[in-house]
Amino acid sequence: MERQTAAMRELSRRAIPEPAVVSGDVTAPIEQARLERRRQAAATEAAALRRARAERAARKGQAADGAIGRAARASRLGRTA
């Protein structure tokens, strides 16, 4: 019986080899994928914030241009009237 058990264990070891010893610096593949997803999410969030800030600045610029244009027209009208 022990001989059969030893033979089965040997076959199992050949079929499913033990993973190599991983040093502490090397992360597991699932951790690497998780870190990459976090990096991509952070980059996407940063890009969205930059885009939103640029759009907000453009809207404020247009509003300021409109206010300046109205003020300039009003002052010209005031002079001619």
N, C-alpha and C. Protein backbone atom coordinates (compact mmCIF):
# COMPACT_ATOMS: atom_id res chain seq x y z
N MET A 1 0.82 -1.20 0.00
CA MET A 1 0.00 0.00 0.00
C MET A 1 0.86 1.26 0.00
N GLU A 2 1.92 1.24 0.80
CA GLU A 2 2.80 2.41 0.85
C GLU A 2 3.48 2.64 -0.48
N ARG A 3 3.80 1.55 -1.16
CA ARG A 3 4.43 1.68 -2.46
C ARG A 3 3.49 2.34 -3.45
N GLN A 4 2.22 1.98 -3.42
CA GLN A 4 1.23 2.60 -4.30
C GLN A 4 1.07 4.08 -3.98
N THR A 5 1.04 4.41 -2.71
CA THR A 5 0.90 5.81 -2.29
C THR A 5 2.09 6.62 -2.77
N ALA A 6 3.28 6.07 -2.61
CA ALA A 6 4.49 6.78 -3.06
C ALA A 6 4.47 6.97 -4.57
N ALA A 7 4.03 5.93 -5.28
CA ALA A 7 3.96 6.03 -6.75
C ALA A 7 2.94 7.08 -7.17
N MET A 8 1.80 7.13 -6.51
CA MET A 8 0.78 8.12 -6.83
C MET A 8 1.29 9.54 -6.54
N ARG A 9 1.99 9.70 -5.44
CA ARG A 9 2.54 11.03 -5.11
C ARG A 9 3.56 11.47 -6.16
N GLU A 10 4.39 10.54 -6.61
CA GLU A 10 5.38 10.85 -7.63
C GLU A 10 4.70 11.25 -8.94
N LEU A 11 3.68 10.52 -9.33
CA LEU A 11 2.93 10.86 -10.54
C LEU A 11 2.27 12.24 -10.39
N SER A 12 1.73 12.49 -9.22
CA SER A 12 1.10 13.78 -8.96
C SER A 12 2.12 14.91 -9.06
N ARG A 13 3.31 14.70 -8.50
CA ARG A 13 4.37 15.72 -8.56
C ARG A 13 4.77 16.00 -10.00
N ARG A 14 4.81 14.96 -10.82
CA ARG A 14 5.17 15.15 -12.23
C ARG A 14 4.07 15.88 -12.99
N ALA A 15 2.84 15.55 -12.68
CA ALA A 15 1.71 16.14 -13.39
C ALA A 15 1.51 17.60 -12.99
N ILE A 16 1.67 17.88 -11.70
CA ILE A 16 1.44 19.23 -11.18
C ILE A 16 2.68 19.65 -10.43
N PRO A 17 3.65 20.25 -11.13
CA PRO A 17 4.89 20.62 -10.45
C PRO A 17 4.65 21.75 -9.45
N GLU A 18 5.44 21.74 -8.40
CA GLU A 18 5.35 22.80 -7.40
C GLU A 18 5.86 24.09 -8.01
N PRO A 19 5.24 25.20 -7.68
CA PRO A 19 5.74 26.47 -8.21
C PRO A 19 7.10 26.78 -7.60
N ALA A 20 7.91 27.49 -8.36
CA ALA A 20 9.23 27.86 -7.85
C ALA A 20 9.06 28.78 -6.65
N VAL A 21 10.03 28.76 -5.79
CA VAL A 21 9.97 29.61 -4.61
C VAL A 21 10.01 31.06 -5.07
N VAL A 22 9.07 31.86 -4.58
CA VAL A 22 8.96 33.26 -4.98
C VAL A 22 9.60 34.11 -3.91
N SER A 23 10.50 34.98 -4.33
CA SER A 23 11.13 35.86 -3.35
C SER A 23 10.12 36.93 -2.92
N GLY A 24 10.40 37.62 -1.85
CA GLY A 24 9.48 38.61 -1.31
C GLY A 24 9.26 39.81 -2.23
N ASP A 25 10.24 40.10 -3.12
CA ASP A 25 10.13 41.27 -3.99
C ASP A 25 9.20 41.04 -5.17
N VAL A 26 9.04 39.81 -5.57
CA VAL A 26 8.24 39.49 -6.73
C VAL A 26 6.79 39.32 -6.31
N THR A 27 5.88 40.04 -7.00
CA THR A 27 4.46 39.91 -6.67
C THR A 27 3.83 38.81 -7.51
N ALA A 28 2.77 38.26 -7.01
CA ALA A 28 2.04 37.22 -7.72
C ALA A 28 1.38 37.83 -8.96
N PRO A 29 1.13 37.03 -9.99
CA PRO A 29 0.52 37.57 -11.21
C PRO A 29 -0.82 38.28 -10.95
N ILE A 30 -1.60 37.76 -10.02
CA ILE A 30 -2.89 38.41 -9.75
C ILE A 30 -2.66 39.78 -9.12
N GLU A 31 -1.64 39.90 -8.29
CA GLU A 31 -1.31 41.20 -7.69
C GLU A 31 -0.80 42.16 -8.75
N GLN A 32 -0.02 41.67 -9.68
CA GLN A 32 0.48 42.51 -10.77
C GLN A 32 -0.68 43.04 -11.60
N ALA A 33 -1.65 42.17 -11.90
CA ALA A 33 -2.82 42.60 -12.67
C ALA A 33 -3.62 43.63 -11.88
N ARG A 34 -3.78 43.41 -10.59
CA ARG A 34 -4.53 44.34 -9.75
C ARG A 34 -3.84 45.71 -9.71
N LEU A 35 -2.51 45.70 -9.57
CA LEU A 35 -1.76 46.96 -9.56
C LEU A 35 -1.88 47.69 -10.90
N GLU A 36 -1.83 46.94 -11.99
CA GLU A 36 -1.96 47.56 -13.31
C GLU A 36 -3.35 48.18 -13.48
N ARG A 37 -4.39 47.49 -13.04
CA ARG A 37 -5.75 48.05 -13.13
C ARG A 37 -5.86 49.33 -12.30
N ARG A 38 -5.23 49.33 -11.11
CA ARG A 38 -5.27 50.53 -10.27
C ARG A 38 -4.54 51.68 -10.95
N ARG A 39 -3.40 51.39 -11.57
CA ARG A 39 -2.66 52.44 -12.29
C ARG A 39 -3.50 53.00 -13.44
N GLN A 40 -4.14 52.12 -14.19
CA GLN A 40 -4.98 52.57 -15.30
C GLN A 40 -6.16 53.39 -14.81
N ALA A 41 -6.77 52.97 -13.71
CA ALA A 41 -7.90 53.72 -13.15
C ALA A 41 -7.45 55.10 -12.68
N ALA A 42 -6.28 55.17 -12.06
CA ALA A 42 -5.77 56.46 -11.60
C ALA A 42 -5.45 57.37 -12.78
N ALA A 43 -4.90 56.81 -13.84
CA ALA A 43 -4.60 57.61 -15.03
C ALA A 43 -5.88 58.10 -15.69
N THR A 44 -6.90 57.25 -15.75
CA THR A 44 -8.18 57.64 -16.33
C THR A 44 -8.82 58.73 -15.50
N GLU A 45 -8.78 58.59 -14.19
CA GLU A 45 -9.36 59.61 -13.31
C GLU A 45 -8.63 60.94 -13.46
N ALA A 46 -7.32 60.90 -13.53
CA ALA A 46 -6.54 62.14 -13.70
C ALA A 46 -6.87 62.82 -15.03
N ALA A 47 -7.00 62.03 -16.08
CA ALA A 47 -7.35 62.60 -17.39
C ALA A 47 -8.74 63.22 -17.36
N ALA A 48 -9.68 62.56 -16.69
CA ALA A 48 -11.04 63.10 -16.59
C ALA A 48 -11.05 64.40 -15.81
N LEU A 49 -10.27 64.47 -14.73
CA LEU A 49 -10.20 65.71 -13.97
C LEU A 49 -9.59 66.84 -14.79
N ARG A 50 -8.53 66.54 -15.53
CA ARG A 50 -7.92 67.58 -16.39
C ARG A 50 -8.91 68.07 -17.43
N ARG A 51 -9.63 67.13 -18.04
CA ARG A 51 -10.61 67.50 -19.07
C ARG A 51 -11.73 68.34 -18.48
N ALA A 52 -12.22 67.96 -17.29
CA ALA A 52 -13.30 68.72 -16.65
C ALA A 52 -12.83 70.11 -16.28
N ARG A 53 -11.61 70.22 -15.78
CA ARG A 53 -11.07 71.54 -15.42
C ARG A 53 -10.90 72.41 -16.65
N ALA A 54 -10.43 71.81 -17.74
CA ALA A 54 -10.26 72.57 -18.98
C ALA A 54 -11.61 73.04 -19.52
N GLU A 55 -12.62 72.15 -19.46
CA GLU A 55 -13.96 72.55 -19.92
C GLU A 55 -14.52 73.66 -19.05
N ARG A 56 -14.33 73.55 -17.73
CA ARG A 56 -14.82 74.58 -16.81
C ARG A 56 -14.13 75.92 -17.09
N ALA A 57 -12.82 75.87 -17.32
CA ALA A 57 -12.07 77.10 -17.61
C ALA A 57 -12.55 77.70 -18.93
N ALA A 58 -12.83 76.84 -19.91
CA ALA A 58 -13.32 77.35 -21.20
C ALA A 58 -14.69 78.00 -21.03
N ARG A 59 -15.55 77.38 -20.22
CA ARG A 59 -16.88 77.99 -19.99
C ARG A 59 -16.75 79.32 -19.28
N LYS A 60 -15.87 79.39 -18.29
CA LYS A 60 -15.67 80.66 -17.57
C LYS A 60 -15.09 81.70 -18.51
N GLY A 61 -14.19 81.27 -19.38
CA GLY A 61 -13.61 82.19 -20.36
C GLY A 61 -14.67 82.72 -21.30
N GLN A 62 -15.56 81.87 -21.76
CA GLN A 62 -16.63 82.31 -22.65
C GLN A 62 -17.57 83.24 -21.92
N ALA A 63 -17.87 82.94 -20.66
CA ALA A 63 -18.76 83.79 -19.88
C ALA A 63 -18.10 85.15 -19.65
N ALA A 64 -16.80 85.14 -19.37
CA ALA A 64 -16.08 86.39 -19.16
C ALA A 64 -16.03 87.18 -20.46
N ASP A 65 -15.80 86.50 -21.59
CA ASP A 65 -15.80 87.19 -22.88
C ASP A 65 -17.15 87.82 -23.15
N GLY A 66 -18.20 87.10 -22.82
CA GLY A 66 -19.56 87.62 -23.02
C GLY A 66 -19.80 88.84 -22.14
N ALA A 67 -19.36 88.80 -20.90
CA ALA A 67 -19.56 89.92 -19.98
C ALA A 67 -18.75 91.12 -20.43
N ILE A 68 -17.53 90.88 -20.89
CA ILE A 68 -16.69 91.98 -21.36
C ILE A 68 -17.30 92.59 -22.62
N GLY A 69 -17.77 91.73 -23.48
CA GLY A 69 -18.40 92.22 -24.71
C GLY A 69 -19.64 93.06 -24.42
N ARG A 70 -20.46 92.62 -23.47
CA ARG A 70 -21.66 93.39 -23.11
C ARG A 70 -21.28 94.71 -22.48
N ALA A 71 -20.26 94.69 -21.62
CA ALA A 71 -19.83 95.93 -20.96
C ALA A 71 -19.26 96.90 -21.98
N ALA A 72 -18.50 96.39 -22.93
CA ALA A 72 -17.94 97.26 -23.96
C ALA A 72 -19.05 97.87 -24.82
N ARG A 73 -20.04 97.07 -25.19
CA ARG A 73 -21.16 97.60 -25.99
C ARG A 73 -21.93 98.64 -25.20
N ALA A 74 -22.16 98.37 -23.92
CA ALA A 74 -22.90 99.32 -23.08
C ALA A 74 -22.14 100.63 -22.95
N SER A 75 -20.83 100.57 -22.81
CA SER A 75 -20.06 101.80 -22.68
C SER A 75 -20.05 102.57 -23.99
N ARG A 76 -20.00 101.87 -25.12
CA ARG A 76 -20.06 102.55 -26.41
C ARG A 76 -21.42 103.18 -26.61
N LEU A 77 -22.47 102.48 -26.21
CA LEU A 77 -23.81 103.03 -26.33
C LEU A 77 -23.98 104.24 -25.44
N GLY A 78 -23.40 104.17 -24.24
CA GLY A 78 -23.49 105.30 -23.32
C GLY A 78 -22.81 106.54 -23.87
N ARG A 79 -21.74 106.37 -24.59
CA ARG A 79 -21.01 107.51 -25.15
C ARG A 79 -21.76 108.14 -26.31
N THR A 80 -22.38 107.29 -27.10
CA THR A 80 -23.05 107.82 -28.30
C THR A 80 -24.43 108.34 -27.98
N ALA A 81 -25.00 107.97 -26.88
CA ALA A 81 -26.37 108.35 -26.61
C ALA A 81 -26.49 109.69 -25.97
